[in-house]
N, C-alpha and C. Protein backbone atom coordinates (compact mmCIF):
# COMPACT_ATOMS: atom_id res chain seq x y z
N MET A 1 0.92 -1.20 0.14
CA MET A 1 -0.23 0.09 -0.23
C MET A 1 1.04 1.13 0.04
N ARG A 2 0.71 1.80 -0.70
CA ARG A 2 1.36 3.56 -1.05
C ARG A 2 0.34 4.58 -0.54
N CYS A 3 1.30 5.56 0.13
CA CYS A 3 0.49 6.31 0.55
C CYS A 3 1.42 7.71 1.02
N TYR A 4 0.48 8.86 0.27
CA TYR A 4 1.14 10.20 0.19
C TYR A 4 0.25 11.24 1.09
N CYS A 5 1.15 11.99 1.85
CA CYS A 5 0.44 12.79 2.68
C CYS A 5 1.33 14.37 2.35
N ASP A 6 0.34 15.19 3.15
CA ASP A 6 0.92 17.07 2.99
C ASP A 6 0.42 17.41 3.77
N GLY A 7 1.10 18.86 4.34
CA GLY A 7 -0.09 19.52 5.13
C GLY A 7 0.82 21.03 4.62
N GLY A 8 0.06 21.99 4.51
CA GLY A 8 0.39 23.36 4.77
C GLY A 8 -0.19 24.14 5.77
N TYR A 9 0.67 25.24 5.80
CA TYR A 9 0.09 26.30 7.17
C TYR A 9 0.11 27.79 6.29
N ASN A 10 -0.97 28.39 6.70
CA ASN A 10 -0.76 29.94 6.38
C ASN A 10 -0.92 30.76 7.51
N ARG A 11 0.23 31.36 7.47
CA ARG A 11 0.39 32.02 9.13
C ARG A 11 -0.65 33.45 8.95
N GLU A 12 -1.10 33.73 8.14
CA GLU A 12 -2.33 35.10 8.19
C GLU A 12 -3.43 34.35 8.64
N THR A 13 -3.84 33.31 8.21
CA THR A 13 -5.21 32.95 8.72
C THR A 13 -5.06 32.17 9.94
N GLY A 14 -4.00 31.26 10.11
CA GLY A 14 -3.83 30.38 11.24
C GLY A 14 -4.40 29.19 10.69
N LEU A 15 -4.73 28.93 9.81
CA LEU A 15 -5.49 27.63 9.08
C LEU A 15 -4.33 26.66 8.41
N ALA A 16 -4.64 25.59 8.61
CA ALA A 16 -3.74 24.40 7.72
C ALA A 16 -4.76 24.06 7.15
N GLY A 17 -3.91 23.17 5.86
CA GLY A 17 -4.80 22.37 4.68
C GLY A 17 -3.95 21.36 4.67
N ILE A 18 -4.65 19.96 4.68
CA ILE A 18 -4.08 18.66 4.73
C ILE A 18 -4.57 18.20 3.66
N GLY A 19 -3.31 17.30 2.92
CA GLY A 19 -4.15 16.20 1.79
C GLY A 19 -3.37 14.91 2.11
N ILE A 20 -4.25 13.95 1.54
CA ILE A 20 -3.74 12.44 1.73
C ILE A 20 -4.44 11.98 0.40
N VAL A 21 -3.38 10.87 0.14
CA VAL A 21 -3.43 10.13 -1.05
C VAL A 21 -3.33 8.59 -0.88
N ILE A 22 -4.27 7.44 -1.02
CA ILE A 22 -3.85 6.19 -0.58
C ILE A 22 -3.88 5.32 -1.99
N TYR A 23 -3.09 4.78 -2.42
CA TYR A 23 -3.14 4.00 -3.59
C TYR A 23 -3.01 2.27 -2.90
N TYR A 24 -4.34 1.23 -3.05
CA TYR A 24 -4.28 -0.01 -2.43
C TYR A 24 -4.84 -1.00 -3.86
N ALA A 25 -4.73 -2.09 -3.53
CA ALA A 25 -5.21 -3.03 -4.46
C ALA A 25 -5.95 -4.15 -3.90
N GLN A 26 -7.37 -4.78 -4.50
CA GLN A 26 -7.97 -5.09 -3.61
C GLN A 26 -9.04 -6.02 -4.48
N ASN A 27 -8.76 -7.49 -4.35
CA ASN A 27 -8.97 -8.68 -5.25
C ASN A 27 -9.10 -8.19 -6.97
N GLY A 28 -7.83 -8.05 -7.18
CA GLY A 28 -7.42 -7.98 -8.10
C GLY A 28 -7.48 -6.41 -9.03
N LYS A 29 -7.96 -5.51 -8.03
CA LYS A 29 -8.58 -3.95 -8.94
C LYS A 29 -7.58 -3.28 -7.80
N GLU A 30 -7.42 -1.94 -8.71
CA GLU A 30 -6.58 -0.98 -7.87
C GLU A 30 -7.42 0.26 -7.94
N PHE A 31 -7.00 1.14 -6.45
CA PHE A 31 -7.95 1.73 -6.15
C PHE A 31 -7.03 3.34 -5.51
N ARG A 32 -7.62 4.04 -5.49
CA ARG A 32 -7.16 5.42 -4.94
C ARG A 32 -8.10 6.31 -4.22
N ILE A 33 -7.76 6.58 -2.85
CA ILE A 33 -8.67 7.38 -2.13
C ILE A 33 -7.65 8.81 -2.26
N ARG A 34 -8.54 10.08 -2.13
CA ARG A 34 -8.00 11.32 -2.26
C ARG A 34 -9.03 11.97 -1.52
N GLU A 35 -8.14 12.78 -0.37
CA GLU A 35 -9.19 13.41 0.62
C GLU A 35 -8.38 14.72 1.11
N ASN A 36 -9.17 15.65 1.52
CA ASN A 36 -8.35 16.82 2.28
C ASN A 36 -9.00 17.66 3.02
N GLN A 37 -8.77 18.50 4.21
CA GLN A 37 -9.48 18.90 5.17
C GLN A 37 -8.93 20.24 5.43
N VAL A 38 -9.64 21.32 6.12
CA VAL A 38 -8.83 22.56 6.59
C VAL A 38 -9.29 22.31 8.29
N LEU A 39 -7.85 22.64 8.57
CA LEU A 39 -7.61 22.58 10.36
C LEU A 39 -7.20 23.91 10.74
N GLN A 40 -8.11 24.15 11.98
CA GLN A 40 -7.52 25.04 13.19
C GLN A 40 -6.98 24.84 14.17
N GLN A 41 -6.41 25.71 14.77
CA GLN A 41 -5.66 25.49 16.13
C GLN A 41 -4.15 24.75 15.67
N ILE A 42 -3.77 25.19 14.40
CA ILE A 42 -2.57 24.36 14.03
C ILE A 42 -1.33 25.81 14.54
N GLN A 43 -0.41 25.49 14.99
CA GLN A 43 0.84 26.37 15.19
C GLN A 43 1.78 26.87 14.05
N ASP A 44 2.03 25.50 13.31
CA ASP A 44 3.34 25.90 12.39
C ASP A 44 3.09 24.64 11.18
N ASN A 45 3.91 24.97 10.40
CA ASN A 45 3.68 23.68 9.25
C ASN A 45 4.08 22.68 9.58
N ASN A 46 5.17 22.24 10.42
CA ASN A 46 5.31 20.96 10.72
C ASN A 46 4.18 20.19 11.37
N GLU A 47 3.63 21.31 12.21
CA GLU A 47 2.05 20.72 12.94
C GLU A 47 1.56 20.33 11.82
N ALA A 48 1.08 21.19 10.60
CA ALA A 48 0.03 20.33 9.79
C ALA A 48 0.80 19.16 9.04
N GLU A 49 2.05 19.38 8.88
CA GLU A 49 2.72 17.65 8.12
C GLU A 49 2.12 16.73 9.46
N TYR A 50 2.04 16.84 10.51
CA TYR A 50 1.71 15.78 11.13
C TYR A 50 0.23 15.84 11.44
N ALA A 51 -0.38 16.83 11.23
CA ALA A 51 -1.98 16.52 11.17
C ALA A 51 -2.44 15.54 9.99
N ALA A 52 -1.43 15.61 8.74
CA ALA A 52 -1.99 15.25 7.54
C ALA A 52 -1.75 13.55 7.91
N LEU A 53 -0.48 13.40 8.57
CA LEU A 53 -0.24 12.23 8.77
C LEU A 53 -1.27 11.53 9.72
N LEU A 54 -1.38 12.15 10.65
CA LEU A 54 -2.83 11.38 11.88
C LEU A 54 -3.93 11.31 10.70
N ALA A 55 -4.50 12.19 9.87
CA ALA A 55 -5.56 11.92 8.94
C ALA A 55 -5.63 10.86 8.31
N LEU A 56 -4.18 10.17 7.64
CA LEU A 56 -3.81 9.31 7.02
C LEU A 56 -4.03 8.34 7.90
N PHE A 57 -3.45 7.99 8.89
CA PHE A 57 -3.87 6.58 9.94
C PHE A 57 -5.49 6.96 10.19
N GLN A 58 -5.83 7.68 10.54
CA GLN A 58 -7.47 7.57 10.74
C GLN A 58 -8.08 7.41 9.62
N ARG A 59 -7.74 7.60 8.16
CA ARG A 59 -8.51 6.93 7.11
C ARG A 59 -7.80 5.34 7.08
N LEU A 60 -6.72 4.87 7.21
CA LEU A 60 -6.42 3.59 7.19
C LEU A 60 -7.36 2.77 8.33
N GLN A 61 -7.51 3.38 9.59
CA GLN A 61 -8.38 2.80 10.58
C GLN A 61 -9.80 2.60 10.07
N ALA A 62 -10.41 3.74 9.17
CA ALA A 62 -11.65 3.42 8.93
C ALA A 62 -11.62 2.55 7.99
N LEU A 63 -11.11 2.20 7.04
CA LEU A 63 -10.89 1.04 5.93
C LEU A 63 -10.70 -0.13 6.41
N ASP A 64 -10.37 -0.19 7.77
CA ASP A 64 -10.04 -1.57 8.45
C ASP A 64 -8.95 -2.05 8.10
N VAL A 65 -7.69 -1.36 7.44
CA VAL A 65 -6.44 -1.96 6.96
C VAL A 65 -5.76 -2.44 8.11
N ARG A 66 -5.09 -3.83 8.30
CA ARG A 66 -4.71 -4.45 9.32
C ARG A 66 -3.75 -5.42 8.51
N HIS A 67 -2.59 -5.61 9.37
CA HIS A 67 -1.57 -6.60 8.98
C HIS A 67 -0.99 -6.24 7.90
N GLU A 68 -0.91 -4.92 6.96
CA GLU A 68 -0.50 -4.45 6.08
C GLU A 68 1.03 -3.85 5.94
N ASP A 69 1.78 -4.09 4.77
CA ASP A 69 2.97 -2.69 4.88
C ASP A 69 2.54 -1.45 4.16
N VAL A 70 2.69 -0.55 4.77
CA VAL A 70 2.19 0.64 4.23
C VAL A 70 3.25 1.33 4.24
N THR A 71 3.74 2.20 2.94
CA THR A 71 4.74 3.25 2.84
C THR A 71 4.20 4.26 2.80
N ILE A 72 4.72 5.29 3.44
CA ILE A 72 4.24 6.73 3.43
C ILE A 72 5.31 7.50 2.74
N TYR A 73 4.93 8.36 1.84
CA TYR A 73 5.79 9.40 1.45
C TYR A 73 5.44 10.85 1.60
N LEU A 74 6.39 11.15 1.97
CA LEU A 74 6.22 12.71 2.59
C LEU A 74 7.14 13.64 2.12
N ASP A 75 7.14 15.00 2.33
CA ASP A 75 7.92 15.81 1.90
C ASP A 75 8.74 16.52 2.76
N SER A 76 8.52 16.19 4.33
CA SER A 76 9.21 17.02 5.33
C SER A 76 9.97 16.26 5.87
N LEU A 77 10.99 16.74 6.07
CA LEU A 77 12.30 16.02 6.56
C LEU A 77 12.07 15.79 8.11
N VAL A 78 11.61 16.44 8.72
CA VAL A 78 11.74 16.75 10.30
C VAL A 78 10.40 15.56 10.39
N VAL A 79 9.48 15.93 9.83
CA VAL A 79 8.35 14.73 10.14
C VAL A 79 8.70 13.15 9.97
N GLN A 80 9.52 12.99 8.88
CA GLN A 80 10.00 11.69 8.23
C GLN A 80 10.58 11.19 9.32
N LYS A 81 12.08 12.25 9.53
CA LYS A 81 12.74 11.76 10.89
C LYS A 81 12.09 11.59 12.03
N GLN A 82 11.47 12.06 12.42
CA GLN A 82 10.77 12.00 13.64
C GLN A 82 9.96 10.83 14.06
N ALA A 83 9.07 10.87 12.82
CA ALA A 83 8.03 9.59 12.74
C ALA A 83 8.48 8.41 12.81
N SER A 84 9.78 8.33 12.12
CA SER A 84 10.80 6.92 12.07
C SER A 84 11.52 7.22 13.30
N GLU A 85 11.62 7.75 14.14
CA GLU A 85 12.47 7.67 15.46
C GLU A 85 13.95 7.79 15.22
N GLU A 86 14.31 8.70 14.01
CA GLU A 86 15.62 8.71 13.64
C GLU A 86 15.97 9.90 14.40
N TRP A 87 15.47 10.76 14.52
CA TRP A 87 15.38 12.26 15.52
C TRP A 87 14.78 12.10 16.55
N PRO A 88 15.21 12.63 17.60
CA PRO A 88 14.26 12.97 18.86
C PRO A 88 12.98 14.22 18.53
N VAL A 89 12.06 14.16 19.59
CA VAL A 89 11.08 14.97 19.37
C VAL A 89 10.90 15.95 20.49
N TYR A 90 11.44 17.01 20.52
CA TYR A 90 11.60 18.09 21.72
C TYR A 90 10.12 18.91 21.83
N GLU A 91 9.76 19.06 20.71
CA GLU A 91 8.45 19.87 21.13
C GLU A 91 7.23 18.99 21.17
N MET A 92 6.73 19.73 22.44
CA MET A 92 5.67 18.57 23.41
C MET A 92 4.53 18.93 22.53
N HIS A 93 4.25 19.73 21.54
CA HIS A 93 3.04 19.41 20.97
C HIS A 93 2.95 18.37 19.52
N TYR A 94 4.13 18.33 19.17
CA TYR A 94 4.34 17.02 18.32
C TYR A 94 4.27 15.75 18.78
N HIS A 95 4.57 15.71 19.97
CA HIS A 95 4.54 14.49 20.65
C HIS A 95 3.36 14.00 21.10
N THR A 96 2.12 15.02 21.06
CA THR A 96 0.70 14.43 20.78
C THR A 96 0.27 13.94 19.77
N TRP A 97 0.93 14.41 18.61
CA TRP A 97 0.43 13.66 17.02
C TRP A 97 0.72 12.23 17.19
N LEU A 98 2.23 12.40 17.36
CA LEU A 98 2.97 11.17 17.39
C LEU A 98 2.19 9.91 18.25
N ASP A 99 1.88 10.22 19.32
CA ASP A 99 1.20 9.57 20.28
C ASP A 99 -0.17 8.77 19.54
N ARG A 100 -0.95 9.54 19.16
CA ARG A 100 -2.39 9.55 18.63
C ARG A 100 -2.00 8.52 17.36
N MET A 101 -0.91 8.83 16.55
CA MET A 101 -0.58 8.08 15.19
C MET A 101 0.04 6.68 15.80
N GLU A 102 0.87 6.68 17.21
CA GLU A 102 1.26 5.22 17.28
C GLU A 102 0.24 4.15 18.11
N GLN A 103 -0.78 4.91 18.79
CA GLN A 103 -2.33 4.10 19.08
C GLN A 103 -2.77 3.59 17.52
N ILE A 104 -2.85 4.03 16.69
CA ILE A 104 -3.61 3.53 15.54
C ILE A 104 -2.89 2.55 14.78
N PHE A 105 -1.65 2.91 14.59
CA PHE A 105 -0.84 1.80 13.74
C PHE A 105 -0.77 0.65 14.67
N SER A 106 -0.28 0.71 15.94
CA SER A 106 -0.33 -0.52 16.50
C SER A 106 -1.38 -1.38 16.84
N SER A 107 -2.69 -0.51 16.84
CA SER A 107 -3.80 -1.43 16.59
C SER A 107 -4.28 -2.35 15.72
N LEU A 108 -3.51 -1.79 14.78
CA LEU A 108 -3.97 -2.22 13.18
C LEU A 108 -2.82 -2.93 12.94
N HIS A 109 -1.72 -3.29 13.55
CA HIS A 109 -0.42 -3.84 13.33
C HIS A 109 -0.03 -3.61 11.83
N LEU A 110 0.32 -2.68 11.74
CA LEU A 110 0.74 -2.01 10.53
C LEU A 110 2.38 -1.93 10.49
N ASN A 111 2.69 -2.49 9.42
CA ASN A 111 4.57 -2.46 8.75
C ASN A 111 4.44 -0.66 8.47
N VAL A 112 4.86 0.11 8.95
CA VAL A 112 4.88 1.22 8.26
C VAL A 112 6.02 1.79 7.85
N ARG A 113 6.60 2.11 7.02
CA ARG A 113 7.85 3.15 6.44
C ARG A 113 7.79 4.21 5.76
N TYR A 114 8.07 4.87 6.33
CA TYR A 114 8.28 6.32 6.01
C TYR A 114 9.48 6.69 4.79
N GLU A 115 9.21 7.01 3.70
CA GLU A 115 10.00 7.78 3.07
C GLU A 115 10.12 9.05 2.47
N LEU A 116 11.10 9.80 2.70
CA LEU A 116 11.14 11.11 2.18
C LEU A 116 11.24 11.17 0.66
N ILE A 117 10.32 12.01 0.05
CA ILE A 117 10.42 12.45 -1.30
C ILE A 117 10.59 13.81 -1.33
N SER A 118 10.92 14.39 -2.77
CA SER A 118 10.81 15.92 -2.97
C SER A 118 9.27 16.15 -3.06
N ARG A 119 9.22 17.66 -2.96
CA ARG A 119 7.99 18.33 -3.38
C ARG A 119 7.47 17.96 -4.79
N GLU A 120 8.04 17.68 -5.51
CA GLU A 120 7.69 17.50 -6.97
C GLU A 120 7.15 16.33 -7.05
N ASN A 121 7.58 15.14 -6.61
CA ASN A 121 7.10 13.71 -6.00
C ASN A 121 5.90 13.64 -5.31
N ASN A 122 5.62 14.83 -4.74
CA ASN A 122 4.21 14.60 -3.42
C ASN A 122 3.26 15.74 -4.29
N GLN A 123 3.39 16.23 -5.39
CA GLN A 123 2.30 16.99 -5.93
C GLN A 123 0.80 16.87 -5.70
N GLU A 124 0.78 15.43 -5.87
CA GLU A 124 -0.90 15.21 -5.69
C GLU A 124 -1.27 15.62 -4.35
N ALA A 125 -0.48 15.35 -3.07
CA ALA A 125 -0.94 15.48 -1.68
C ALA A 125 -0.96 16.78 -1.30
N ASP A 126 0.18 17.66 -2.28
CA ASP A 126 0.46 19.17 -1.83
C ASP A 126 -0.82 19.66 -2.44
N ARG A 127 -0.98 19.43 -3.71
CA ARG A 127 -2.20 20.07 -4.41
C ARG A 127 -3.52 20.00 -3.76
N LEU A 128 -3.78 18.80 -2.98
CA LEU A 128 -4.91 18.75 -1.98
C LEU A 128 -4.98 19.52 -0.89
N ALA A 129 -3.54 19.56 -0.29
CA ALA A 129 -3.55 20.45 1.03
C ALA A 129 -3.88 22.21 0.48
N THR A 130 -3.55 22.56 -0.74
CA THR A 130 -3.58 23.93 -1.08
C THR A 130 -4.86 24.03 -1.44
N GLN A 131 -5.38 22.87 -2.02
CA GLN A 131 -6.78 23.31 -2.57
C GLN A 131 -7.92 23.39 -1.12
N ALA A 132 -7.45 22.63 -0.19
CA ALA A 132 -8.27 23.38 1.20
C ALA A 132 -8.14 24.24 1.45
N LEU A 133 -6.98 24.88 1.77
CA LEU A 133 -6.87 26.64 2.08
C LEU A 133 -7.64 27.34 0.94
N GLU A 134 -7.67 26.81 -0.34
CA GLU A 134 -8.49 27.58 -0.90
C GLU A 134 -10.18 27.60 -1.15
N GLY A 135 -10.29 26.56 -0.19
CA GLY A 135 -11.80 26.08 0.27
C GLY A 135 -12.45 25.06 -0.88
N THR A 136 -11.30 24.66 -1.61
CA THR A 136 -11.95 23.14 -2.33
C THR A 136 -11.86 22.15 -1.83
N MET A 137 -12.97 21.54 -1.43
CA MET A 137 -13.12 20.20 -0.79
C MET A 137 -12.98 18.87 -1.41
N VAL A 138 -12.29 17.95 -1.58
CA VAL A 138 -12.01 16.96 -2.20
C VAL A 138 -11.85 15.59 -1.44
N ASN A 139 -12.97 14.60 -2.01
CA ASN A 139 -12.85 13.49 -1.30
C ASN A 139 -13.63 12.31 -2.22
N SER A 140 -12.65 11.67 -2.60
CA SER A 140 -13.12 10.73 -3.60
C SER A 140 -12.49 9.37 -3.52
N HIS A 141 -13.06 8.63 -4.12
CA HIS A 141 -12.49 6.96 -4.16
C HIS A 141 -12.96 6.73 -4.97
N ALA A 142 -12.02 6.29 -5.87
CA ALA A 142 -12.00 5.90 -7.35
C ALA A 142 -10.96 4.24 -7.75
N GLN A 143 -11.77 3.65 -8.63
CA GLN A 143 -11.01 2.28 -9.08
C GLN A 143 -10.25 2.76 -10.70
N LYS A 144 -9.69 2.33 -10.90
CA LYS A 144 -8.30 2.26 -11.94
C LYS A 144 -9.03 1.71 -13.05
N GLU A 145 -9.15 2.23 -13.99
CA GLU A 145 -9.95 1.59 -15.56
C GLU A 145 -8.70 2.10 -16.69
N GLY A 146 -8.06 1.29 -17.02
CA GLY A 146 -6.96 1.58 -18.00
C GLY A 146 -5.66 2.08 -17.02
N GLN A 147 -5.28 3.49 -18.16
CA GLN A 147 -4.57 4.45 -17.24
C GLN A 147 -5.10 4.75 -16.16
N HIS A 148 -6.15 5.06 -16.06
CA HIS A 148 -7.08 6.31 -15.01
C HIS A 148 -7.92 5.73 -14.27
N TYR A 149 -8.10 6.60 -13.05
CA TYR A 149 -9.15 6.35 -11.69
C TYR A 149 -10.11 7.04 -12.44
N LYS A 150 -11.00 6.07 -12.27
CA LYS A 150 -12.67 7.10 -12.59
C LYS A 150 -13.45 6.48 -11.38
């Protein structure tokens, strides 16, 4: 299972936009889920990235994904290193996000791998986060037909 997430923060409005994309296969068919949200009470861009990651885990939980290998692609070095426990987390408000994520993926017994990618390779999730901040909400679940998701 391949997942992408991104978060963006607007300092002027204090709002964050998050975007998630999930690619998975089931019964020989390929699917894509695309979602975004606007969030309040976010303090900075890294926290927006954590919020996107938590939203991704919550969506996997809602799909009842269990005992799966999940690769999560994100373009935030800080969040990738901290979530994979390569770097310590000193900011207390980030611990809250990490603790909530840990509860979900532990209960689902997911084998999670975090991969850092460039912003150019995370355009779909980035676009969703930007669209959320612009007021365009997306919530789609599509099956692949040929080369496209419909």
